[in-house]
Amino acid sequence: MVFVLERIHARHPELRAEDVAHAWEHAIVSAARSDARPFEYLAVGYDARGRLIEMVGRANENGDWVIWHAFTPPTPKARRELGLE
């Protein structure tokens, strides 16, 4: 299951929880973060509207994903980290 924190919509009103969850579930690329943040995953995927969304999340103790960051379009930093340049 995917849980999207409310702070995402509060900071980015154009992104609804269902948009982010869809993009996470249909990510085109994802990877463990390459910096010093263990257990975090960076992903990029399309929502149902066709927007490309950058997301950061981590699995909780039940194996569910908690997404705490989402942004559209993906930043150059995220694209580089995922090899999408």
PDB file of N, CA and C in Angstrom:
ATOM      1  N   MET A   1       0.842  -1.175   0.000  1.00  0.00           N
ATOM      2  CA  MET A   1       0.000   0.000   0.000  1.00  0.00           C
ATOM      3  C   MET A   1       0.890   1.241   0.000  1.00  0.00           C
ATOM      4  N   VAL A   2       0.384   2.324  -0.566  1.00  0.00           N
ATOM      5  CA  VAL A   2       1.130   3.574  -0.649  1.00  0.00           C
ATOM      6  C   VAL A   2       0.383   4.640   0.152  1.00  0.00           C
ATOM      7  N   PHE A   3       1.099   5.261   1.092  1.00  0.00           N
ATOM      8  CA  PHE A   3       0.555   6.370   1.870  1.00  0.00           C
ATOM      9  C   PHE A   3       1.285   7.641   1.464  1.00  0.00           C
ATOM     10  N   VAL A   4       0.535   8.677   1.146  1.00  0.00           N
ATOM     11  CA  VAL A   4       1.111   9.955   0.729  1.00  0.00           C
ATOM     12  C   VAL A   4       0.834  10.963   1.833  1.00  0.00           C
ATOM     13  N   LEU A   5       1.900  11.540   2.375  1.00  0.00           N
ATOM     14  CA  LEU A   5       1.726  12.503   3.461  1.00  0.00           C
ATOM     15  C   LEU A   5       1.014  13.755   2.964  1.00  0.00           C
ATOM     16  N   GLU A   6       0.161  14.303   3.809  1.00  0.00           N
ATOM     17  CA  GLU A   6      -0.635  15.486   3.457  1.00  0.00           C
ATOM     18  C   GLU A   6       0.217  16.708   3.169  1.00  0.00           C
ATOM     19  N   ARG A   7       1.424  16.727   3.701  1.00  0.00           N
ATOM     20  CA  ARG A   7       2.296  17.884   3.492  1.00  0.00           C
ATOM     21  C   ARG A   7       2.593  18.114   2.013  1.00  0.00           C
ATOM     22  N   ILE A   8       2.534  17.061   1.198  1.00  0.00           N
ATOM     23  CA  ILE A   8       2.809  17.215  -0.235  1.00  0.00           C
ATOM     24  C   ILE A   8       1.759  18.114  -0.868  1.00  0.00           C
ATOM     25  N   HIS A   9       0.482  17.809  -0.638  1.00  0.00           N
ATOM     26  CA  HIS A   9      -0.586  18.634  -1.215  1.00  0.00           C
ATOM     27  C   HIS A   9      -0.571  20.048  -0.629  1.00  0.00           C
ATOM     28  N   ALA A  10      -0.221  20.176   0.647  1.00  0.00           N
ATOM     29  CA  ALA A  10      -0.155  21.500   1.271  1.00  0.00           C
ATOM     30  C   ALA A  10       0.917  22.372   0.606  1.00  0.00           C
ATOM     31  N   ARG A  11       2.023  21.761   0.226  1.00  0.00           N
ATOM     32  CA  ARG A  11       3.122  22.510  -0.402  1.00  0.00           C
ATOM     33  C   ARG A  11       2.954  22.626  -1.908  1.00  0.00           C
ATOM     34  N   HIS A  12       2.292  21.639  -2.495  1.00  0.00           N
ATOM     35  CA  HIS A  12       2.113  21.592  -3.955  1.00  0.00           C
ATOM     36  C   HIS A  12       0.651  21.260  -4.253  1.00  0.00           C
ATOM     37  N   PRO A  13      -0.229  22.258  -4.199  1.00  0.00           N
ATOM     38  CA  PRO A  13      -1.671  22.008  -4.345  1.00  0.00           C
ATOM     39  C   PRO A  13      -2.065  21.339  -5.657  1.00  0.00           C
ATOM     40  N   GLU A  14      -1.211  21.411  -6.657  1.00  0.00           N
ATOM     41  CA  GLU A  14      -1.514  20.767  -7.934  1.00  0.00           C
ATOM     42  C   GLU A  14      -1.377  19.246  -7.875  1.00  0.00           C
ATOM     43  N   LEU A  15      -0.768  18.731  -6.793  1.00  0.00           N
ATOM     44  CA  LEU A  15      -0.577  17.289  -6.638  1.00  0.00           C
ATOM     45  C   LEU A  15      -1.518  16.742  -5.574  1.00  0.00           C
ATOM     46  N   ARG A  16      -2.399  15.869  -5.983  1.00  0.00           N
ATOM     47  CA  ARG A  16      -3.284  15.192  -5.029  1.00  0.00           C
ATOM     48  C   ARG A  16      -2.630  13.874  -4.599  1.00  0.00           C
ATOM     49  N   ALA A  17      -3.052  13.354  -3.468  1.00  0.00           N
ATOM     50  CA  ALA A  17      -2.491  12.094  -2.963  1.00  0.00           C
ATOM     51  C   ALA A  17      -2.643  10.980  -3.991  1.00  0.00           C
ATOM     52  N   GLU A  18      -3.791  10.917  -4.658  1.00  0.00           N
ATOM     53  CA  GLU A  18      -4.003   9.863  -5.644  1.00  0.00           C
ATOM     54  C   GLU A  18      -3.091  10.013  -6.858  1.00  0.00           C
ATOM     55  N   ASP A  19      -2.724  11.265  -7.211  1.00  0.00           N
ATOM     56  CA  ASP A  19      -1.770  11.481  -8.301  1.00  0.00           C
ATOM     57  C   ASP A  19      -0.413  10.891  -7.942  1.00  0.00           C
ATOM     58  N   VAL A  20       0.039  11.175  -6.733  1.00  0.00           N
ATOM     59  CA  VAL A  20       1.353  10.715  -6.278  1.00  0.00           C
ATOM     60  C   VAL A  20       1.364   9.200  -6.118  1.00  0.00           C
ATOM     61  N   ALA A  21       0.317   8.637  -5.532  1.00  0.00           N
ATOM     62  CA  ALA A  21       0.255   7.185  -5.355  1.00  0.00           C
ATOM     63  C   ALA A  21       0.283   6.476  -6.711  1.00  0.00           C
ATOM     64  N   HIS A  22      -0.453   6.995  -7.685  1.00  0.00           N
ATOM     65  CA  HIS A  22      -0.460   6.399  -9.021  1.00  0.00           C
ATOM     66  C   HIS A  22       0.938   6.460  -9.634  1.00  0.00           C
ATOM     67  N   ALA A  23       1.588   7.614  -9.526  1.00  0.00           N
ATOM     68  CA  ALA A  23       2.930   7.759 -10.086  1.00  0.00           C
ATOM     69  C   ALA A  23       3.916   6.813  -9.412  1.00  0.00           C
ATOM     70  N   TRP A  24       3.808   6.638  -8.090  1.00  0.00           N
ATOM     71  CA  TRP A  24       4.708   5.716  -7.379  1.00  0.00           C
ATOM     72  C   TRP A  24       4.481   4.278  -7.841  1.00  0.00           C
ATOM     73  N   GLU A  25       3.231   3.901  -7.936  1.00  0.00           N
ATOM     74  CA  GLU A  25       2.887   2.532  -8.342  1.00  0.00           C
ATOM     75  C   GLU A  25       3.257   2.246  -9.797  1.00  0.00           C
ATOM     76  N   HIS A  26       3.398   3.296 -10.595  1.00  0.00           N
ATOM     77  CA  HIS A  26       3.739   3.144 -12.014  1.00  0.00           C
ATOM     78  C   HIS A  26       5.065   3.837 -12.327  1.00  0.00           C
ATOM     79  N   ALA A  27       5.980   3.822 -11.388  1.00  0.00           N
ATOM     80  CA  ALA A  27       7.273   4.487 -11.578  1.00  0.00           C
ATOM     81  C   ALA A  27       7.999   3.883 -12.782  1.00  0.00           C
ATOM     82  N   ILE A  28       8.628   4.755 -13.555  1.00  0.00           N
ATOM     83  CA  ILE A  28       9.412   4.279 -14.693  1.00  0.00           C
ATOM     84  C   ILE A  28      10.847   3.979 -14.279  1.00  0.00           C
ATOM     85  N   VAL A  29      11.293   4.580 -13.176  1.00  0.00           N
ATOM     86  CA  VAL A  29      12.623   4.298 -12.642  1.00  0.00           C
ATOM     87  C   VAL A  29      12.624   4.646 -11.159  1.00  0.00           C
ATOM     88  N   SER A  30      13.337   3.849 -10.379  1.00  0.00           N
ATOM     89  CA  SER A  30      13.495   4.127  -8.953  1.00  0.00           C
ATOM     90  C   SER A  30      14.816   3.541  -8.492  1.00  0.00           C
ATOM     91  N   ALA A  31      15.339   4.101  -7.407  1.00  0.00           N
ATOM     92  CA  ALA A  31      16.613   3.617  -6.875  1.00  0.00           C
ATOM     93  C   ALA A  31      16.754   4.068  -5.436  1.00  0.00           C
ATOM     94  N   ALA A  32      17.523   3.286  -4.674  1.00  0.00           N
ATOM     95  CA  ALA A  32      17.874   3.727  -3.325  1.00  0.00           C
ATOM     96  C   ALA A  32      18.676   5.011  -3.458  1.00  0.00           C
ATOM     97  N   ARG A  33      18.464   5.936  -2.528  1.00  0.00           N
ATOM     98  CA  ARG A  33      19.186   7.210  -2.577  1.00  0.00           C
ATOM     99  C   ARG A  33      20.677   6.965  -2.550  1.00  0.00           C
ATOM    100  N   SER A  34      21.405   7.725  -3.335  1.00  0.00           N
ATOM    101  CA  SER A  34      22.852   7.533  -3.449  1.00  0.00           C
ATOM    102  C   SER A  34      23.636   8.353  -2.434  1.00  0.00           C
ATOM    103  N   ASP A  35      22.944   9.183  -1.672  1.00  0.00           N
ATOM    104  CA  ASP A  35      23.657   9.979  -0.682  1.00  0.00           C
ATOM    105  C   ASP A  35      23.542   9.333   0.697  1.00  0.00           C
ATOM    106  N   ALA A  36      23.652  10.098   1.733  1.00  0.00           N
ATOM    107  CA  ALA A  36      23.744   9.551   3.094  1.00  0.00           C
ATOM    108  C   ALA A  36      22.399   9.273   3.755  1.00  0.00           C
ATOM    109  N   ARG A  37      21.324   9.149   3.002  1.00  0.00           N
ATOM    110  CA  ARG A  37      20.009   8.894   3.603  1.00  0.00           C
ATOM    111  C   ARG A  37      19.619   7.434   3.386  1.00  0.00           C
ATOM    112  N   PRO A  38      19.916   6.586   4.355  1.00  0.00           N
ATOM    113  CA  PRO A  38      19.628   5.164   4.162  1.00  0.00           C
ATOM    114  C   PRO A  38      18.122   4.879   4.138  1.00  0.00           C
ATOM    115  N   PHE A  39      17.778   3.892   3.383  1.00  0.00           N
ATOM    116  CA  PHE A  39      16.410   3.371   3.294  1.00  0.00           C
ATOM    117  C   PHE A  39      15.447   4.262   2.517  1.00  0.00           C
ATOM    118  N   GLU A  40      15.904   5.388   1.992  1.00  0.00           N
ATOM    119  CA  GLU A  40      15.040   6.228   1.173  1.00  0.00           C
ATOM    120  C   GLU A  40      15.185   5.830  -0.287  1.00  0.00           C
ATOM    121  N   TYR A  41      14.068   5.911  -0.997  1.00  0.00           N
ATOM    122  CA  TYR A  41      14.072   5.625  -2.424  1.00  0.00           C
ATOM    123  C   TYR A  41      13.583   6.845  -3.183  1.00  0.00           C
ATOM    124  N   LEU A  42      14.223   7.117  -4.290  1.00  0.00           N
ATOM    125  CA  LEU A  42      13.840   8.170  -5.209  1.00  0.00           C
ATOM    126  C   LEU A  42      13.204   7.497  -6.410  1.00  0.00           C
ATOM    127  N   ALA A  43      12.085   8.029  -6.855  1.00  0.00           N
ATOM    128  CA  ALA A  43      11.391   7.455  -8.008  1.00  0.00           C
ATOM    129  C   ALA A  43      10.835   8.559  -8.878  1.00  0.00           C
ATOM    130  N   VAL A  44      10.673   8.252 -10.146  1.00  0.00           N
ATOM    131  CA  VAL A  44      10.021   9.135 -11.103  1.00  0.00           C
ATOM    132  C   VAL A  44       8.990   8.298 -11.841  1.00  0.00           C
ATOM    133  N   GLY A  45       7.779   8.826 -11.918  1.00  0.00           N
ATOM    134  CA  GLY A  45       6.717   8.114 -12.610  1.00  0.00           C
ATOM    135  C   GLY A  45       5.651   9.073 -13.097  1.00  0.00           C
ATOM    136  N   TYR A  46       4.779   8.553 -13.939  1.00  0.00           N
ATOM    137  CA  TYR A  46       3.682   9.350 -14.486  1.00  0.00           C
ATOM    138  C   TYR A  46       2.419   9.151 -13.671  1.00  0.00           C
ATOM    139  N   ASP A  47       1.718  10.257 -13.417  1.00  0.00           N
ATOM    140  CA  ASP A  47       0.413  10.121 -12.784  1.00  0.00           C
ATOM    141  C   ASP A  47      -0.627   9.831 -13.872  1.00  0.00           C
ATOM    142  N   ALA A  48      -1.883   9.672 -13.475  1.00  0.00           N
ATOM    143  CA  ALA A  48      -2.948   9.330 -14.424  1.00  0.00           C
ATOM    144  C   ALA A  48      -3.206  10.444 -15.432  1.00  0.00           C
ATOM    145  N   ARG A  49      -2.739  11.657 -15.131  1.00  0.00           N
ATOM    146  CA  ARG A  49      -2.905  12.787 -16.053  1.00  0.00           C
ATOM    147  C   ARG A  49      -1.736  12.926 -17.021  1.00  0.00           C
ATOM    148  N   GLY A  50      -0.727  12.059 -16.867  1.00  0.00           N
ATOM    149  CA  GLY A  50       0.426  12.108 -17.755  1.00  0.00           C
ATOM    150  C   GLY A  50       1.541  13.022 -17.304  1.00  0.00           C
ATOM    151  N   ARG A  51       1.449  13.529 -16.075  1.00  0.00           N
ATOM    152  CA  ARG A  51       2.525  14.387 -15.556  1.00  0.00           C
ATOM    153  C   ARG A  51       3.626  13.533 -14.955  1.00  0.00           C
ATOM    154  N   LEU A  52       4.869  13.900 -15.224  1.00  0.00           N
ATOM    155  CA  LEU A  52       6.010  13.201 -14.666  1.00  0.00           C
ATOM    156  C   LEU A  52       6.290  13.774 -13.276  1.00  0.00           C
ATOM    157  N   ILE A  53       6.334  12.895 -12.268  1.00  0.00           N
ATOM    158  CA  ILE A  53       6.462  13.321 -10.872  1.00  0.00           C
ATOM    159  C   ILE A  53       7.690  12.680 -10.243  1.00  0.00           C
ATOM    160  N   GLU A  54       8.451  13.501  -9.551  1.00  0.00           N
ATOM    161  CA  GLU A  54       9.585  13.051  -8.729  1.00  0.00           C
ATOM    162  C   GLU A  54       9.054  12.771  -7.336  1.00  0.00           C
ATOM    163  N   MET A  55       9.473  11.653  -6.737  1.00  0.00           N
ATOM    164  CA  MET A  55       8.979  11.282  -5.409  1.00  0.00           C
ATOM    165  C   MET A  55      10.093  10.677  -4.566  1.00  0.00           C
ATOM    166  N   VAL A  56       9.987  10.878  -3.254  1.00  0.00           N
ATOM    167  CA  VAL A  56      10.901  10.242  -2.306  1.00  0.00           C
ATOM    168  C   VAL A  56      10.048   9.579  -1.239  1.00  0.00           C
ATOM    169  N   GLY A  57      10.393   8.321  -0.927  1.00  0.00           N
ATOM    170  CA  GLY A  57       9.647   7.596   0.092  1.00  0.00           C
ATOM    171  C   GLY A  57      10.499   6.525   0.729  1.00  0.00           C
ATOM    172  N   ARG A  58       9.896   5.883   1.691  1.00  0.00           N
ATOM    173  CA  ARG A  58      10.565   4.767   2.364  1.00  0.00           C
ATOM    174  C   ARG A  58       9.507   3.785   2.806  1.00  0.00           C
ATOM    175  N   ALA A  59       9.902   2.529   2.909  1.00  0.00           N
ATOM    176  CA  ALA A  59       8.980   1.488   3.356  1.00  0.00           C
ATOM    177  C   ALA A  59       8.904   1.517   4.877  1.00  0.00           C
ATOM    178  N   ASN A  60       7.696   1.332   5.414  1.00  0.00           N
ATOM    179  CA  ASN A  60       7.544   1.274   6.869  1.00  0.00           C
ATOM    180  C   ASN A  60       7.697  -0.175   7.334  1.00  0.00           C
ATOM    181  N   GLU A  61       7.492  -0.395   8.615  1.00  0.00           N
ATOM    182  CA  GLU A  61       7.698  -1.732   9.188  1.00  0.00           C
ATOM    183  C   GLU A  61       6.735  -2.786   8.632  1.00  0.00           C
ATOM    184  N   ASN A  62       5.616  -2.352   8.041  1.00  0.00           N
ATOM    185  CA  ASN A  62       4.651  -3.278   7.446  1.00  0.00           C
ATOM    186  C   ASN A  62       4.913  -3.536   5.962  1.00  0.00           C
ATOM    187  N   GLY A  63       5.917  -2.858   5.420  1.00  0.00           N
ATOM    188  CA  GLY A  63       6.215  -2.997   4.001  1.00  0.00           C
ATOM    189  C   GLY A  63       5.431  -2.050   3.120  1.00  0.00           C
ATOM    190  N   ASP A  64       4.630  -1.167   3.733  1.00  0.00           N
ATOM    191  CA  ASP A  64       3.907  -0.150   2.974  1.00  0.00           C
ATOM    192  C   ASP A  64       4.852   1.007   2.681  1.00  0.00           C
ATOM    193  N   TRP A  65       4.597   1.707   1.588  1.00  0.00           N
ATOM    194  CA  TRP A  65       5.420   2.862   1.234  1.00  0.00           C
ATOM    195  C   TRP A  65       4.810   4.139   1.789  1.00  0.00           C
ATOM    196  N   VAL A  66       5.648   4.978   2.348  1.00  0.00           N
ATOM    197  CA  VAL A  66       5.250   6.301   2.822  1.00  0.00           C
ATOM    198  C   VAL A  66       5.996   7.316   1.970  1.00  0.00           C
ATOM    199  N   ILE A  67       5.245   8.094   1.218  1.00  0.00           N
ATOM    200  CA  ILE A  67       5.836   9.088   0.325  1.00  0.00           C
ATOM    201  C   ILE A  67       5.758  10.432   1.028  1.00  0.00           C
ATOM    202  N   TRP A  68       6.911  11.072   1.201  1.00  0.00           N
ATOM    203  CA  TRP A  68       6.945  12.341   1.937  1.00  0.00           C
ATOM    204  C   TRP A  68       7.374  13.517   1.083  1.00  0.00           C
ATOM    205  N   HIS A  69       7.807  13.242  -0.149  1.00  0.00           N
ATOM    206  CA  HIS A  69       8.218  14.316  -1.060  1.00  0.00           C
ATOM    207  C   HIS A  69       7.712  13.995  -2.456  1.00  0.00           C
ATOM    208  N   ALA A  70       7.130  14.985  -3.106  1.00  0.00           N
ATOM    209  CA  ALA A  70       6.734  14.844  -4.506  1.00  0.00           C
ATOM    210  C   ALA A  70       6.789  16.219  -5.155  1.00  0.00           C
ATOM    211  N   PHE A  71       7.184  16.217  -6.421  1.00  0.00           N
ATOM    212  CA  PHE A  71       7.392  17.472  -7.123  1.00  0.00           C
ATOM    213  C   PHE A  71       7.233  17.212  -8.615  1.00  0.00           C
ATOM    214  N   THR A  72       6.649  18.151  -9.337  1.00  0.00           N
ATOM    215  CA  THR A  72       6.559  18.034 -10.784  1.00  0.00           C
ATOM    216  C   THR A  72       6.924  19.358 -11.420  1.00  0.00           C
ATOM    217  N   PRO A  73       7.722  19.342 -12.465  1.00  0.00           N
ATOM    218  CA  PRO A  73       8.412  18.198 -13.051  1.00  0.00           C
ATOM    219  C   PRO A  73       9.638  17.816 -12.209  1.00  0.00           C
ATOM    220  N   PRO A  74      10.213  16.648 -12.471  1.00  0.00           N
ATOM    221  CA  PRO A  74      11.393  16.238 -11.712  1.00  0.00           C
ATOM    222  C   PRO A  74      12.536  17.243 -11.854  1.00  0.00           C
ATOM    223  N   THR A  75      13.253  17.424 -10.785  1.00  0.00           N
ATOM    224  CA  THR A  75      14.374  18.361 -10.779  1.00  0.00           C
ATOM    225  C   THR A  75      15.560  17.775 -11.549  1.00  0.00           C
ATOM    226  N   PRO A  76      16.445  18.644 -12.037  1.00  0.00           N
ATOM    227  CA  PRO A  76      17.656  18.131 -12.693  1.00  0.00           C
ATOM    228  C   PRO A  76      18.467  17.216 -11.769  1.00  0.00           C
ATOM    229  N   LYS A  77      18.520  17.530 -10.467  1.00  0.00           N
ATOM    230  CA  LYS A  77      19.258  16.693  -9.517  1.00  0.00           C
ATOM    231  C   LYS A  77      18.678  15.277  -9.487  1.00  0.00           C
ATOM    232  N   ALA A  78      17.353  15.161  -9.414  1.00  0.00           N
ATOM    233  CA  ALA A  78      16.714  13.840  -9.388  1.00  0.00           C
ATOM    234  C   ALA A  78      16.943  13.109 -10.704  1.00  0.00           C
ATOM    235  N   ARG A  79      16.845  13.806 -11.823  1.00  0.00           N
ATOM    236  CA  ARG A  79      17.079  13.173 -13.125  1.00  0.00           C
ATOM    237  C   ARG A  79      18.504  12.641 -13.232  1.00  0.00           C
ATOM    238  N   ARG A  80      19.466  13.428 -12.737  1.00  0.00           N
ATOM    239  CA  ARG A  80      20.861  12.963 -12.746  1.00  0.00           C
ATOM    240  C   ARG A  80      21.020  11.728 -11.870  1.00  0.00           C
ATOM    241  N   GLU A  81      20.454  11.787 -10.644  1.00  0.00           N
ATOM    242  CA  GLU A  81      20.583  10.681  -9.696  1.00  0.00           C
ATOM    243  C   GLU A  81      20.022   9.382 -10.261  1.00  0.00           C
ATOM    244  N   LEU A  82      18.989   9.482 -11.072  1.00  0.00           N
ATOM    245  CA  LEU A  82      18.345   8.302 -11.652  1.00  0.00           C
ATOM    246  C   LEU A  82      18.856   7.959 -13.048  1.00  0.00           C
ATOM    247  N   GLY A  83      19.827   8.723 -13.530  1.00  0.00           N
ATOM    248  CA  GLY A  83      20.373   8.456 -14.855  1.00  0.00           C
ATOM    249  C   GLY A  83      19.455   8.811 -16.002  1.00  0.00           C
ATOM    250  N   LEU A  84      18.605   9.821 -15.808  1.00  0.00           N
ATOM    251  CA  LEU A  84      17.632  10.214 -16.838  1.00  0.00           C
ATOM    252  C   LEU A  84      18.078  11.427 -17.653  1.00  0.00           C
ATOM    253  N   GLU A  85      19.319  11.796 -17.575  1.00  0.00           N
ATOM    254  CA  GLU A  85      19.818  12.960 -18.306  1.00  0.00           C
ATOM    255  C   GLU A  85      19.968  12.648 -19.767  1.00  0.00           C
TER     256      GLU A  85
END
